[in-house]
Structures are given as C-alpha cells and as structure tokens.
Amino acid sequence: MKITNLPDIFLTDLVLRWVADGKWAVHEPFIINSKIVGRIEVTVGTLTDGPSIPKIPVLYEKFRDRAWPAAVPHDFGYDDDCPYDFPREVWDDVFHELMDALYPGWIDRIRNDEEWAGVRLGGESHFRVED
C-alpha cells in the first residue's frame, strides 16, 4: 500500500503478504515517524490481522479498509515481542494520530474517534499477551 501523500509520517510503503487464517505478515520494514513517540520500525515478519472490526454488517463495511496503515503499527506495539516499551495507552494514541493524519477532515475525525474508542474498549485483553 503506497502512502504517498504523507511522506513525513509514513517513511516507507506498507508491504504485506498473506499468511493464513486472517493473518498477514509485514514483508518489508514499515517505518513511521510519530509525533508522539518518534520513529518506529515495524519489523519484517510482524503478524497483523489489520483493523480489528467486528463483523457487524454496517459497522464492518464502514470501517474495514480505512485503517490498515494505522492498524499495523498498533498491532506491532501490542505484540509481546515488540522492542518498543511503550504502555498500551501510547500505542492507542499513536493509532489515533496516524488515523488523523490519514483522514484529517472533521467528518473523518469523528470516524477516527470511533475507531480509537473501539481500540480502547476492546484492546486491553490483547496487549502484550504471550503467544
């Protein structure tokens, strides 16, 4: 996925390969520059399921594809093997920051807030859980 309109935030393209069972693996380093935490490099081989949207028909269709560039670093930060030692709240805020960069309009900001709220409500049981 090329993210050409934000080269100061997304320093590389997001390149994934399908693994199985709804999982994708980062195929090339995905590097972002966060205003909150600085440079983050999502390493090759990091597994992601992308945006974790409940399969409720209207909700799923509304949100399913818009959050990939923010969801991948977020999943990386939640992984027990992540070398960056930021608390869960910071990773959630980085997700929100990236969503706001991708979708800056005020209507999109409402959707970004909704997705961030979903991450905050549903993410705790997934943070740094050992495989």
Foldseek 3Di string as FASTA:
>chain_A
DDDPVCCQFWVDDFDWDDDDDLKIWGQCWTWGQFPLPGIDTQDGGQIFSAQPFPVPPVRCVVPVPLQRVLRSVLSLQQELPRPDPDDNVSSLVSSLRVQCVSPVDPVSNVVSVVSSVVCVVPPPVRGNDHD
